[in-house]
Amino acid sequence: MTERVEAAAPVRPAADEADRILESVFGFREFRGSQREIVDHVLAGGDALVVMPTGSGKSLCYQLPALIRPGMAVIVSPLIALMQDQVTALRELGVAAACLHSGLDEEDARDVRERLRT
C-alpha cells in the first residue's frame, strides 16, 4: 500500500529560490509532474522516497534542494555509471560534485574523501 503525505508549505524564500535555480542552473522554466511537490516537501525539511520512471526527473528532486539547503548532500546510488553521469552533468552546470565508488583508484578515492572533510 502506498500512502501519500502532503508536504508542508516551504518557506516562501526557499520556494522562490527553487524557481530561480530551476531556470538559472538547470535551464527549465517549470517543474514537471510531481517535482514541485517533492522539492517543496524536501525544502520544508521532509524526507522523500521518490519512485518515478526513468527520465521523469527524479534527480532534480534531490539535486535542486541540495543547492538550497545548507550543508552537504550525500546521494547513494547502486550504479557507478549513473553516479559518473550525474557528477559530469552537475559539474557542467557549475555545481561541485564528486562520486566515491569501488572503481576509483586509491589516490582518487583519497582525494574525494579529503574533499568531503573540508
PDB file of N, CA and C in Angstrom:
ATOM      1  N   MET A   1       0.844  -1.175   0.000  1.00  0.00           N
ATOM      2  CA  MET A   1       0.000   0.000   0.000  1.00  0.00           C
ATOM      3  C   MET A   1       0.887   1.235   0.000  1.00  0.00           C
ATOM      4  N   THR A   2       0.526   2.222  -0.767  1.00  0.00           N
ATOM      5  CA  THR A   2       1.279   3.467  -0.840  1.00  0.00           C
ATOM      6  C   THR A   2       0.478   4.559  -0.176  1.00  0.00           C
ATOM      7  N   GLU A   3       1.134   5.306   0.687  1.00  0.00           N
ATOM      8  CA  GLU A   3       0.478   6.424   1.358  1.00  0.00           C
ATOM      9  C   GLU A   3       1.112   7.707   0.869  1.00  0.00           C
ATOM     10  N   ARG A   4       0.289   8.653   0.522  1.00  0.00           N
ATOM     11  CA  ARG A   4       0.787   9.936   0.045  1.00  0.00           C
ATOM     12  C   ARG A   4       0.751  10.918   1.203  1.00  0.00           C
ATOM     13  N   VAL A   5       1.874  11.553   1.466  1.00  0.00           N
ATOM     14  CA  VAL A   5       1.968  12.531   2.538  1.00  0.00           C
ATOM     15  C   VAL A   5       2.040  13.908   1.916  1.00  0.00           C
ATOM     16  N   GLU A   6       1.153  14.780   2.325  1.00  0.00           N
ATOM     17  CA  GLU A   6       1.156  16.142   1.797  1.00  0.00           C
ATOM     18  C   GLU A   6       2.310  16.919   2.420  1.00  0.00           C
ATOM     19  N   ALA A   7       2.972  17.691   1.615  1.00  0.00           N
ATOM     20  CA  ALA A   7       4.110  18.487   2.071  1.00  0.00           C
ATOM     21  C   ALA A   7       3.631  19.733   2.787  1.00  0.00           C
ATOM     22  N   ALA A   8       4.356  20.078   3.830  1.00  0.00           N
ATOM     23  CA  ALA A   8       4.129  21.382   4.444  1.00  0.00           C
ATOM     24  C   ALA A   8       4.609  22.431   3.459  1.00  0.00           C
ATOM     25  N   ALA A   9       3.963  23.549   3.450  1.00  0.00           N
ATOM     26  CA  ALA A   9       4.372  24.609   2.521  1.00  0.00           C
ATOM     27  C   ALA A   9       5.776  25.071   2.881  1.00  0.00           C
ATOM     28  N   PRO A  10       6.673  25.153   1.903  1.00  0.00           N
ATOM     29  CA  PRO A  10       8.024  25.617   2.205  1.00  0.00           C
ATOM     30  C   PRO A  10       7.999  27.105   2.522  1.00  0.00           C
ATOM     31  N   VAL A  11       9.018  27.534   3.194  1.00  0.00           N
ATOM     32  CA  VAL A  11       9.160  28.962   3.430  1.00  0.00           C
ATOM     33  C   VAL A  11       9.250  29.618   2.059  1.00  0.00           C
ATOM     34  N   ARG A  12       8.503  30.688   1.849  1.00  0.00           N
ATOM     35  CA  ARG A  12       8.405  31.304   0.522  1.00  0.00           C
ATOM     36  C   ARG A  12       9.766  31.624  -0.099  1.00  0.00           C
ATOM     37  N   PRO A  13      10.734  32.166   0.655  1.00  0.00           N
ATOM     38  CA  PRO A  13      12.034  32.425   0.023  1.00  0.00           C
ATOM     39  C   PRO A  13      12.669  31.156  -0.553  1.00  0.00           C
ATOM     40  N   ALA A  14      12.482  30.014   0.116  1.00  0.00           N
ATOM     41  CA  ALA A  14      13.041  28.762  -0.407  1.00  0.00           C
ATOM     42  C   ALA A  14      12.344  28.367  -1.700  1.00  0.00           C
ATOM     43  N   ALA A  15      11.035  28.542  -1.762  1.00  0.00           N
ATOM     44  CA  ALA A  15      10.295  28.218  -2.987  1.00  0.00           C
ATOM     45  C   ALA A  15      10.706  29.155  -4.118  1.00  0.00           C
ATOM     46  N   ASP A  16      10.870  30.433  -3.800  1.00  0.00           N
ATOM     47  CA  ASP A  16      11.329  31.387  -4.813  1.00  0.00           C
ATOM     48  C   ASP A  16      12.729  31.032  -5.302  1.00  0.00           C
ATOM     49  N   GLU A  17      13.587  30.638  -4.375  1.00  0.00           N
ATOM     50  CA  GLU A  17      14.951  30.237  -4.729  1.00  0.00           C
ATOM     51  C   GLU A  17      14.920  28.982  -5.601  1.00  0.00           C
ATOM     52  N   ALA A  18      14.015  28.055  -5.304  1.00  0.00           N
ATOM     53  CA  ALA A  18      13.883  26.846  -6.119  1.00  0.00           C
ATOM     54  C   ALA A  18      13.514  27.202  -7.553  1.00  0.00           C
ATOM     55  N   ASP A  19      12.586  28.131  -7.711  1.00  0.00           N
ATOM     56  CA  ASP A  19      12.191  28.559  -9.058  1.00  0.00           C
ATOM     57  C   ASP A  19      13.371  29.196  -9.794  1.00  0.00           C
ATOM     58  N   ARG A  20      14.137  30.021  -9.079  1.00  0.00           N
ATOM     59  CA  ARG A  20      15.282  30.698  -9.685  1.00  0.00           C
ATOM     60  C   ARG A  20      16.345  29.687 -10.109  1.00  0.00           C
ATOM     61  N   ILE A  21      16.660  28.743  -9.229  1.00  0.00           N
ATOM     62  CA  ILE A  21      17.682  27.738  -9.519  1.00  0.00           C
ATOM     63  C   ILE A  21      17.219  26.795 -10.627  1.00  0.00           C
ATOM     64  N   LEU A  22      15.934  26.470 -10.633  1.00  0.00           N
ATOM     65  CA  LEU A  22      15.401  25.603 -11.686  1.00  0.00           C
ATOM     66  C   LEU A  22      15.753  26.166 -13.056  1.00  0.00           C
ATOM     67  N   GLU A  23      15.582  27.482 -13.205  1.00  0.00           N
ATOM     68  CA  GLU A  23      15.862  28.089 -14.508  1.00  0.00           C
ATOM     69  C   GLU A  23      17.341  28.423 -14.692  1.00  0.00           C
ATOM     70  N   SER A  24      17.966  29.038 -13.678  1.00  0.00           N
ATOM     71  CA  SER A  24      19.338  29.523 -13.872  1.00  0.00           C
ATOM     72  C   SER A  24      20.377  28.407 -13.909  1.00  0.00           C
ATOM     73  N   VAL A  25      20.176  27.351 -13.147  1.00  0.00           N
ATOM     74  CA  VAL A  25      21.155  26.259 -13.109  1.00  0.00           C
ATOM     75  C   VAL A  25      20.762  25.125 -14.055  1.00  0.00           C
ATOM     76  N   PHE A  26      19.499  24.707 -13.977  1.00  0.00           N
ATOM     77  CA  PHE A  26      19.070  23.534 -14.739  1.00  0.00           C
ATOM     78  C   PHE A  26      18.465  23.877 -16.103  1.00  0.00           C
ATOM     79  N   GLY A  27      18.112  25.145 -16.318  1.00  0.00           N
ATOM     80  CA  GLY A  27      17.615  25.566 -17.622  1.00  0.00           C
ATOM     81  C   GLY A  27      16.159  25.258 -17.903  1.00  0.00           C
ATOM     82  N   PHE A  28      15.372  24.983 -16.863  1.00  0.00           N
ATOM     83  CA  PHE A  28      13.948  24.692 -17.033  1.00  0.00           C
ATOM     84  C   PHE A  28      13.110  25.831 -16.474  1.00  0.00           C
ATOM     85  N   ARG A  29      12.012  26.137 -17.132  1.00  0.00           N
ATOM     86  CA  ARG A  29      11.131  27.216 -16.671  1.00  0.00           C
ATOM     87  C   ARG A  29      10.083  26.731 -15.686  1.00  0.00           C
ATOM     88  N   GLU A  30       9.770  25.439 -15.735  1.00  0.00           N
ATOM     89  CA  GLU A  30       8.764  24.923 -14.805  1.00  0.00           C
ATOM     90  C   GLU A  30       9.079  23.479 -14.447  1.00  0.00           C
ATOM     91  N   PHE A  31       8.545  23.086 -13.298  1.00  0.00           N
ATOM     92  CA  PHE A  31       8.706  21.713 -12.841  1.00  0.00           C
ATOM     93  C   PHE A  31       7.803  20.806 -13.665  1.00  0.00           C
ATOM     94  N   ARG A  32       8.154  19.518 -13.707  1.00  0.00           N
ATOM     95  CA  ARG A  32       7.328  18.529 -14.406  1.00  0.00           C
ATOM     96  C   ARG A  32       6.691  17.590 -13.398  1.00  0.00           C
ATOM     97  N   GLY A  33       5.490  17.144 -13.716  1.00  0.00           N
ATOM     98  CA  GLY A  33       4.821  16.145 -12.886  1.00  0.00           C
ATOM     99  C   GLY A  33       4.772  16.558 -11.427  1.00  0.00           C
ATOM    100  N   SER A  34       5.226  15.686 -10.556  1.00  0.00           N
ATOM    101  CA  SER A  34       5.172  15.943  -9.112  1.00  0.00           C
ATOM    102  C   SER A  34       6.473  16.524  -8.557  1.00  0.00           C
ATOM    103  N   GLN A  35       7.382  16.969  -9.417  1.00  0.00           N
ATOM    104  CA  GLN A  35       8.657  17.523  -8.941  1.00  0.00           C
ATOM    105  C   GLN A  35       8.451  18.674  -7.956  1.00  0.00           C
ATOM    106  N   ARG A  36       7.567  19.607  -8.266  1.00  0.00           N
ATOM    107  CA  ARG A  36       7.352  20.773  -7.399  1.00  0.00           C
ATOM    108  C   ARG A  36       6.952  20.325  -6.003  1.00  0.00           C
ATOM    109  N   GLU A  37       5.998  19.402  -5.921  1.00  0.00           N
ATOM    110  CA  GLU A  37       5.523  18.908  -4.631  1.00  0.00           C
ATOM    111  C   GLU A  37       6.659  18.245  -3.851  1.00  0.00           C
ATOM    112  N   ILE A  38       7.464  17.459  -4.525  1.00  0.00           N
ATOM    113  CA  ILE A  38       8.573  16.766  -3.868  1.00  0.00           C
ATOM    114  C   ILE A  38       9.625  17.765  -3.400  1.00  0.00           C
ATOM    115  N   VAL A  39      10.015  18.688  -4.262  1.00  0.00           N
ATOM    116  CA  VAL A  39      11.019  19.697  -3.902  1.00  0.00           C
ATOM    117  C   VAL A  39      10.522  20.538  -2.732  1.00  0.00           C
ATOM    118  N   ASP A  40       9.266  20.973  -2.761  1.00  0.00           N
ATOM    119  CA  ASP A  40       8.707  21.755  -1.656  1.00  0.00           C
ATOM    120  C   ASP A  40       8.756  20.970  -0.351  1.00  0.00           C
ATOM    121  N   HIS A  41       8.414  19.692  -0.424  1.00  0.00           N
ATOM    122  CA  HIS A  41       8.423  18.837   0.764  1.00  0.00           C
ATOM    123  C   HIS A  41       9.831  18.740   1.355  1.00  0.00           C
ATOM    124  N   VAL A  42      10.823  18.526   0.504  1.00  0.00           N
ATOM    125  CA  VAL A  42      12.210  18.417   0.973  1.00  0.00           C
ATOM    126  C   VAL A  42      12.697  19.756   1.522  1.00  0.00           C
ATOM    127  N   LEU A  43      12.360  20.852   0.851  1.00  0.00           N
ATOM    128  CA  LEU A  43      12.775  22.174   1.331  1.00  0.00           C
ATOM    129  C   LEU A  43      12.134  22.525   2.667  1.00  0.00           C
ATOM    130  N   ALA A  44      10.962  21.948   2.940  1.00  0.00           N
ATOM    131  CA  ALA A  44      10.292  22.180   4.219  1.00  0.00           C
ATOM    132  C   ALA A  44      10.868  21.288   5.319  1.00  0.00           C
ATOM    133  N   GLY A  45      11.891  20.489   4.977  1.00  0.00           N
ATOM    134  CA  GLY A  45      12.548  19.648   5.974  1.00  0.00           C
ATOM    135  C   GLY A  45      12.105  18.205   5.954  1.00  0.00           C
ATOM    136  N   GLY A  46      11.261  17.839   5.007  1.00  0.00           N
ATOM    137  CA  GLY A  46      10.764  16.472   4.941  1.00  0.00           C
ATOM    138  C   GLY A  46      11.707  15.525   4.227  1.00  0.00           C
ATOM    139  N   ASP A  47      11.480  14.258   4.449  1.00  0.00           N
ATOM    140  CA  ASP A  47      12.204  13.205   3.756  1.00  0.00           C
ATOM    141  C   ASP A  47      11.354  12.751   2.577  1.00  0.00           C
ATOM    142  N   ALA A  48      11.984  12.180   1.572  1.00  0.00           N
ATOM    143  CA  ALA A  48      11.224  11.717   0.414  1.00  0.00           C
ATOM    144  C   ALA A  48      11.856  10.468  -0.180  1.00  0.00           C
ATOM    145  N   LEU A  49      11.024   9.516  -0.496  1.00  0.00           N
ATOM    146  CA  LEU A  49      11.409   8.363  -1.295  1.00  0.00           C
ATOM    147  C   LEU A  49      10.648   8.534  -2.597  1.00  0.00           C
ATOM    148  N   VAL A  50      11.370   8.781  -3.676  1.00  0.00           N
ATOM    149  CA  VAL A  50      10.749   9.120  -4.954  1.00  0.00           C
ATOM    150  C   VAL A  50      10.897   7.937  -5.906  1.00  0.00           C
ATOM    151  N   VAL A  51       9.766   7.401  -6.329  1.00  0.00           N
ATOM    152  CA  VAL A  51       9.745   6.306  -7.287  1.00  0.00           C
ATOM    153  C   VAL A  51       9.032   6.821  -8.533  1.00  0.00           C
ATOM    154  N   MET A  52       9.811   7.034  -9.581  1.00  0.00           N
ATOM    155  CA  MET A  52       9.284   7.554 -10.840  1.00  0.00           C
ATOM    156  C   MET A  52       9.986   6.825 -11.978  1.00  0.00           C
ATOM    157  N   PRO A  53       9.388   6.810 -13.157  1.00  0.00           N
ATOM    158  CA  PRO A  53      10.029   6.143 -14.295  1.00  0.00           C
ATOM    159  C   PRO A  53      11.345   6.815 -14.694  1.00  0.00           C
ATOM    160  N   THR A  54      12.191   6.062 -15.356  1.00  0.00           N
ATOM    161  CA  THR A  54      13.439   6.594 -15.894  1.00  0.00           C
ATOM    162  C   THR A  54      13.140   7.784 -16.795  1.00  0.00           C
ATOM    163  N   GLY A  55      13.918   8.845 -16.620  1.00  0.00           N
ATOM    164  CA  GLY A  55      13.762  10.029 -17.458  1.00  0.00           C
ATOM    165  C   GLY A  55      12.681  10.992 -17.019  1.00  0.00           C
ATOM    166  N   SER A  56      12.081  10.743 -15.860  1.00  0.00           N
ATOM    167  CA  SER A  56      10.982  11.607 -15.409  1.00  0.00           C
ATOM    168  C   SER A  56      11.438  12.759 -14.527  1.00  0.00           C
ATOM    169  N   GLY A  57      12.716  12.805 -14.177  1.00  0.00           N
ATOM    170  CA  GLY A  57      13.232  13.933 -13.411  1.00  0.00           C
ATOM    171  C   GLY A  57      13.442  13.695 -11.933  1.00  0.00           C
ATOM    172  N   LYS A  58      13.689  12.453 -11.542  1.00  0.00           N
ATOM    173  CA  LYS A  58      13.942  12.163 -10.127  1.00  0.00           C
ATOM    174  C   LYS A  58      15.166  12.908  -9.611  1.00  0.00           C
ATOM    175  N   SER A  59      16.218  12.944 -10.411  1.00  0.00           N
ATOM    176  CA  SER A  59      17.476  13.555  -9.968  1.00  0.00           C
ATOM    177  C   SER A  59      17.282  15.000  -9.548  1.00  0.00           C
ATOM    178  N   LEU A  60      16.476  15.736 -10.267  1.00  0.00           N
ATOM    179  CA  LEU A  60      16.215  17.132  -9.931  1.00  0.00           C
ATOM    180  C   LEU A  60      15.590  17.250  -8.542  1.00  0.00           C
ATOM    181  N   CYS A  61      14.829  16.242  -8.135  1.00  0.00           N
ATOM    182  CA  CYS A  61      14.128  16.271  -6.849  1.00  0.00           C
ATOM    183  C   CYS A  61      15.082  16.271  -5.660  1.00  0.00           C
ATOM    184  N   TYR A  62      16.308  15.795  -5.837  1.00  0.00           N
ATOM    185  CA  TYR A  62      17.286  15.900  -4.751  1.00  0.00           C
ATOM    186  C   TYR A  62      18.407  16.875  -5.081  1.00  0.00           C
ATOM    187  N   GLN A  63      18.713  17.048  -6.354  1.00  0.00           N
ATOM    188  CA  GLN A  63      19.799  17.960  -6.704  1.00  0.00           C
ATOM    189  C   GLN A  63      19.432  19.409  -6.413  1.00  0.00           C
ATOM    190  N   LEU A  64      18.232  19.816  -6.766  1.00  0.00           N
ATOM    191  CA  LEU A  64      17.838  21.209  -6.562  1.00  0.00           C
ATOM    192  C   LEU A  64      17.776  21.574  -5.074  1.00  0.00           C
ATOM    193  N   PRO A  65      17.099  20.791  -4.218  1.00  0.00           N
ATOM    194  CA  PRO A  65      17.113  21.136  -2.790  1.00  0.00           C
ATOM    195  C   PRO A  65      18.521  21.144  -2.188  1.00  0.00           C
ATOM    196  N   ALA A  66      19.402  20.293  -2.705  1.00  0.00           N
ATOM    197  CA  ALA A  66      20.776  20.257  -2.191  1.00  0.00           C
ATOM    198  C   ALA A  66      21.507  21.562  -2.451  1.00  0.00           C
ATOM    199  N   LEU A  67      21.112  22.287  -3.485  1.00  0.00           N
ATOM    200  CA  LEU A  67      21.738  23.575  -3.781  1.00  0.00           C
ATOM    201  C   LEU A  67      21.194  24.692  -2.898  1.00  0.00           C
ATOM    202  N   ILE A  68      20.060  24.469  -2.256  1.00  0.00           N
ATOM    203  CA  ILE A  68      19.436  25.499  -1.421  1.00  0.00           C
ATOM    204  C   ILE A  68      19.702  25.262   0.060  1.00  0.00           C
ATOM    205  N   ARG A  69      19.583  24.036   0.497  1.00  0.00           N
ATOM    206  CA  ARG A  69      19.742  23.731   1.923  1.00  0.00           C
ATOM    207  C   ARG A  69      21.217  23.800   2.310  1.00  0.00           C
ATOM    208  N   PRO A  70      21.492  24.208   3.537  1.00  0.00           N
ATOM    209  CA  PRO A  70      22.891  24.280   3.979  1.00  0.00           C
ATOM    210  C   PRO A  70      23.492  22.882   4.134  1.00  0.00           C
ATOM    211  N   GLY A  71      24.794  22.823   4.052  1.00  0.00           N
ATOM    212  CA  GLY A  71      25.486  21.562   4.257  1.00  0.00           C
ATOM    213  C   GLY A  71      25.709  20.801   2.967  1.00  0.00           C
ATOM    214  N   MET A  72      26.066  19.558   3.129  1.00  0.00           N
ATOM    215  CA  MET A  72      26.414  18.696   2.009  1.00  0.00           C
ATOM    216  C   MET A  72      25.308  17.671   1.803  1.00  0.00           C
ATOM    217  N   ALA A  73      25.039  17.339   0.566  1.00  0.00           N
ATOM    218  CA  ALA A  73      24.087  16.275   0.249  1.00  0.00           C
ATOM    219  C   ALA A  73      24.868  15.025  -0.121  1.00  0.00           C
ATOM    220  N   VAL A  74      24.484  13.902   0.449  1.00  0.00           N
ATOM    221  CA  VAL A  74      25.089  12.622   0.111  1.00  0.00           C
ATOM    222  C   VAL A  74      24.006  11.782  -0.558  1.00  0.00           C
ATOM    223  N   ILE A  75      24.275  11.353  -1.771  1.00  0.00           N
ATOM    224  CA  ILE A  75      23.328  10.566  -2.550  1.00  0.00           C
ATOM    225  C   ILE A  75      23.894   9.158  -2.679  1.00  0.00           C
ATOM    226  N   VAL A  76      23.090   8.156  -2.400  1.00  0.00           N
ATOM    227  CA  VAL A  76      23.518   6.767  -2.515  1.00  0.00           C
ATOM    228  C   VAL A  76      22.892   6.186  -3.781  1.00  0.00           C
ATOM    229  N   SER A  77      23.727   5.617  -4.625  1.00  0.00           N
ATOM    230  CA  SER A  77      23.255   5.046  -5.886  1.00  0.00           C
ATOM    231  C   SER A  77      23.909   3.690  -6.103  1.00  0.00           C
ATOM    232  N   PRO A  78      23.158   2.718  -6.596  1.00  0.00           N
ATOM    233  CA  PRO A  78      23.744   1.394  -6.830  1.00  0.00           C
ATOM    234  C   PRO A  78      24.500   1.280  -8.153  1.00  0.00           C
ATOM    235  N   LEU A  79      24.442   2.305  -8.984  1.00  0.00           N
ATOM    236  CA  LEU A  79      25.029   2.215 -10.319  1.00  0.00           C
ATOM    237  C   LEU A  79      26.173   3.204 -10.501  1.00  0.00           C
ATOM    238  N   ILE A  80      27.375   2.700 -10.696  1.00  0.00           N
ATOM    239  CA  ILE A  80      28.543   3.557 -10.878  1.00  0.00           C
ATOM    240  C   ILE A  80      28.368   4.450 -12.101  1.00  0.00           C
ATOM    241  N   ALA A  81      27.876   3.900 -13.191  1.00  0.00           N
ATOM    242  CA  ALA A  81      27.696   4.697 -14.417  1.00  0.00           C
ATOM    243  C   ALA A  81      26.740   5.858 -14.182  1.00  0.00           C
ATOM    244  N   LEU A  82      25.675   5.630 -13.433  1.00  0.00           N
ATOM    245  CA  LEU A  82      24.725   6.704 -13.126  1.00  0.00           C
ATOM    246  C   LEU A  82      25.398   7.776 -12.273  1.00  0.00           C
ATOM    247  N   MET A  83      26.174   7.352 -11.286  1.00  0.00           N
ATOM    248  CA  MET A  83      26.898   8.321 -10.452  1.00  0.00           C
ATOM    249  C   MET A  83      27.805   9.188 -11.315  1.00  0.00           C
ATOM    250  N   GLN A  84      28.577   8.549 -12.171  1.00  0.00           N
ATOM    251  CA  GLN A  84      29.518   9.286 -13.013  1.00  0.00           C
ATOM    252  C   GLN A  84      28.795  10.238 -13.960  1.00  0.00           C
ATOM    253  N   ASP A  85      27.695   9.785 -14.556  1.00  0.00           N
ATOM    254  CA  ASP A  85      26.917  10.648 -15.454  1.00  0.00           C
ATOM    255  C   ASP A  85      26.380  11.865 -14.720  1.00  0.00           C
ATOM    256  N   GLN A  86      25.861  11.655 -13.511  1.00  0.00           N
ATOM    257  CA  GLN A  86      25.284  12.771 -12.770  1.00  0.00           C
ATOM    258  C   GLN A  86      26.353  13.744 -12.293  1.00  0.00           C
ATOM    259  N   VAL A  87      27.488  13.242 -11.863  1.00  0.00           N
ATOM    260  CA  VAL A  87      28.583  14.125 -11.453  1.00  0.00           C
ATOM    261  C   VAL A  87      29.043  14.957 -12.647  1.00  0.00           C
ATOM    262  N   THR A  88      29.195  14.328 -13.791  1.00  0.00           N
ATOM    263  CA  THR A  88      29.598  15.056 -15.002  1.00  0.00           C
ATOM    264  C   THR A  88      28.588  16.141 -15.344  1.00  0.00           C
ATOM    265  N   ALA A  89      27.307  15.794 -15.327  1.00  0.00           N
ATOM    266  CA  ALA A  89      26.260  16.767 -15.664  1.00  0.00           C
ATOM    267  C   ALA A  89      26.236  17.922 -14.667  1.00  0.00           C
ATOM    268  N   LEU A  90      26.377  17.627 -13.378  1.00  0.00           N
ATOM    269  CA  LEU A  90      26.373  18.691 -12.368  1.00  0.00           C
ATOM    270  C   LEU A  90      27.584  19.601 -12.533  1.00  0.00           C
ATOM    271  N   ARG A  91      28.736  19.031 -12.786  1.00  0.00           N
ATOM    272  CA  ARG A  91      29.937  19.854 -12.982  1.00  0.00           C
ATOM    273  C   ARG A  91      29.791  20.756 -14.198  1.00  0.00           C
ATOM    274  N   GLU A  92      29.166  20.242 -15.266  1.00  0.00           N
ATOM    275  CA  GLU A  92      28.935  21.070 -16.453  1.00  0.00           C
ATOM    276  C   GLU A  92      28.005  22.238 -16.146  1.00  0.00           C
ATOM    277  N   LEU A  93      27.156  22.087 -15.128  1.00  0.00           N
ATOM    278  CA  LEU A  93      26.258  23.159 -14.700  1.00  0.00           C
ATOM    279  C   LEU A  93      26.921  24.084 -13.684  1.00  0.00           C
ATOM    280  N   GLY A  94      28.174  23.787 -13.323  1.00  0.00           N
ATOM    281  CA  GLY A  94      28.887  24.617 -12.362  1.00  0.00           C
ATOM    282  C   GLY A  94      28.662  24.225 -10.916  1.00  0.00           C
ATOM    283  N   VAL A  95      28.155  23.020 -10.692  1.00  0.00           N
ATOM    284  CA  VAL A  95      27.874  22.538  -9.338  1.00  0.00           C
ATOM    285  C   VAL A  95      29.008  21.613  -8.905  1.00  0.00           C
ATOM    286  N   ALA A  96      29.551  21.848  -7.713  1.00  0.00           N
ATOM    287  CA  ALA A  96      30.593  20.973  -7.176  1.00  0.00           C
ATOM    288  C   ALA A  96      29.982  19.609  -6.866  1.00  0.00           C
ATOM    289  N   ALA A  97      30.569  18.558  -7.395  1.00  0.00           N
ATOM    290  CA  ALA A  97      30.049  17.206  -7.187  1.00  0.00           C
ATOM    291  C   ALA A  97      31.186  16.207  -7.316  1.00  0.00           C
ATOM    292  N   ALA A  98      31.044  15.082  -6.636  1.00  0.00           N
ATOM    293  CA  ALA A  98      32.029  14.006  -6.708  1.00  0.00           C
ATOM    294  C   ALA A  98      31.316  12.695  -6.429  1.00  0.00           C
ATOM    295  N   CYS A  99      31.931  11.598  -6.859  1.00  0.00           N
ATOM    296  CA  CYS A  99      31.378  10.291  -6.509  1.00  0.00           C
ATOM    297  C   CYS A  99      32.496   9.429  -5.932  1.00  0.00           C
ATOM    298  N   LEU A 100      32.104   8.572  -5.032  1.00  0.00           N
ATOM    299  CA  LEU A 100      33.035   7.669  -4.364  1.00  0.00           C
ATOM    300  C   LEU A 100      32.505   6.258  -4.588  1.00  0.00           C
ATOM    301  N   HIS A 101      33.284   5.432  -5.286  1.00  0.00           N
ATOM    302  CA  HIS A 101      32.833   4.080  -5.595  1.00  0.00           C
ATOM    303  C   HIS A 101      34.030   3.144  -5.726  1.00  0.00           C
ATOM    304  N   SER A 102      33.749   1.875  -5.839  1.00  0.00           N
ATOM    305  CA  SER A 102      34.795   0.850  -5.850  1.00  0.00           C
ATOM    306  C   SER A 102      35.689   0.891  -7.083  1.00  0.00           C
ATOM    307  N   GLY A 103      35.290   1.605  -8.121  1.00  0.00           N
ATOM    308  CA  GLY A 103      36.097   1.671  -9.330  1.00  0.00           C
ATOM    309  C   GLY A 103      37.199   2.713  -9.296  1.00  0.00           C
ATOM    310  N   LEU A 104      37.238   3.530  -8.253  1.00  0.00           N
ATOM    311  CA  LEU A 104      38.271   4.564  -8.150  1.00  0.00           C
ATOM    312  C   LEU A 104      39.574   3.964  -7.656  1.00  0.00           C
ATOM    313  N   ASP A 105      40.695   4.465  -8.171  1.00  0.00           N
ATOM    314  CA  ASP A 105      41.965   4.032  -7.606  1.00  0.00           C
ATOM    315  C   ASP A 105      42.134   4.725  -6.249  1.00  0.00           C
ATOM    316  N   GLU A 106      43.090   4.260  -5.472  1.00  0.00           N
ATOM    317  CA  GLU A 106      43.236   4.742  -4.094  1.00  0.00           C
ATOM    318  C   GLU A 106      43.474   6.245  -4.023  1.00  0.00           C
ATOM    319  N   GLU A 107      44.267   6.773  -4.927  1.00  0.00           N
ATOM    320  CA  GLU A 107      44.560   8.213  -4.911  1.00  0.00           C
ATOM    321  C   GLU A 107      43.293   9.039  -5.162  1.00  0.00           C
ATOM    322  N   ASP A 108      42.500   8.647  -6.150  1.00  0.00           N
ATOM    323  CA  ASP A 108      41.258   9.373  -6.437  1.00  0.00           C
ATOM    324  C   ASP A 108      40.265   9.241  -5.288  1.00  0.00           C
ATOM    325  N   ALA A 109      40.167   8.049  -4.717  1.00  0.00           N
ATOM    326  CA  ALA A 109      39.262   7.839  -3.586  1.00  0.00           C
ATOM    327  C   ALA A 109      39.693   8.691  -2.394  1.00  0.00           C
ATOM    328  N   ARG A 110      40.988   8.762  -2.134  1.00  0.00           N
ATOM    329  CA  ARG A 110      41.507   9.575  -1.034  1.00  0.00           C
ATOM    330  C   ARG A 110      41.182  11.051  -1.271  1.00  0.00           C
ATOM    331  N   ASP A 111      41.316  11.504  -2.525  1.00  0.00           N
ATOM    332  CA  ASP A 111      41.003  12.890  -2.872  1.00  0.00           C
ATOM    333  C   ASP A 111      39.531  13.207  -2.591  1.00  0.00           C
ATOM    334  N   VAL A 112      38.635  12.313  -2.983  1.00  0.00           N
ATOM    335  CA  VAL A 112      37.201  12.535  -2.732  1.00  0.00           C
ATOM    336  C   VAL A 112      36.933  12.569  -1.233  1.00  0.00           C
ATOM    337  N   ARG A 113      37.492  11.627  -0.482  1.00  0.00           N
ATOM    338  CA  ARG A 113      37.277  11.604   0.974  1.00  0.00           C
ATOM    339  C   ARG A 113      37.804  12.879   1.624  1.00  0.00           C
ATOM    340  N   GLU A 114      38.940  13.372   1.162  1.00  0.00           N
ATOM    341  CA  GLU A 114      39.504  14.609   1.713  1.00  0.00           C
ATOM    342  C   GLU A 114      38.587  15.793   1.429  1.00  0.00           C
ATOM    343  N   ARG A 115      38.056  15.864   0.217  1.00  0.00           N
ATOM    344  CA  ARG A 115      37.134  16.961  -0.115  1.00  0.00           C
ATOM    345  C   ARG A 115      35.857  16.877   0.715  1.00  0.00           C
ATOM    346  N   LEU A 116      35.439  15.679   1.081  1.00  0.00           N
ATOM    347  CA  LEU A 116      34.256  15.527   1.933  1.00  0.00           C
ATOM    348  C   LEU A 116      34.500  16.099   3.329  1.00  0.00           C
ATOM    349  N   ARG A 117      35.734  16.026   3.790  1.00  0.00           N
ATOM    350  CA  ARG A 117      36.065  16.518   5.133  1.00  0.00           C
ATOM    351  C   ARG A 117      36.145  18.037   5.202  1.00  0.00           C
ATOM    352  N   THR A 118      36.374  18.692   4.067  1.00  0.00           N
ATOM    353  CA  THR A 118      36.557  20.148   4.095  1.00  0.00           C
ATOM    354  C   THR A 118      35.302  20.902   3.745  1.00  0.00           C
TER     355      THR A 118
END
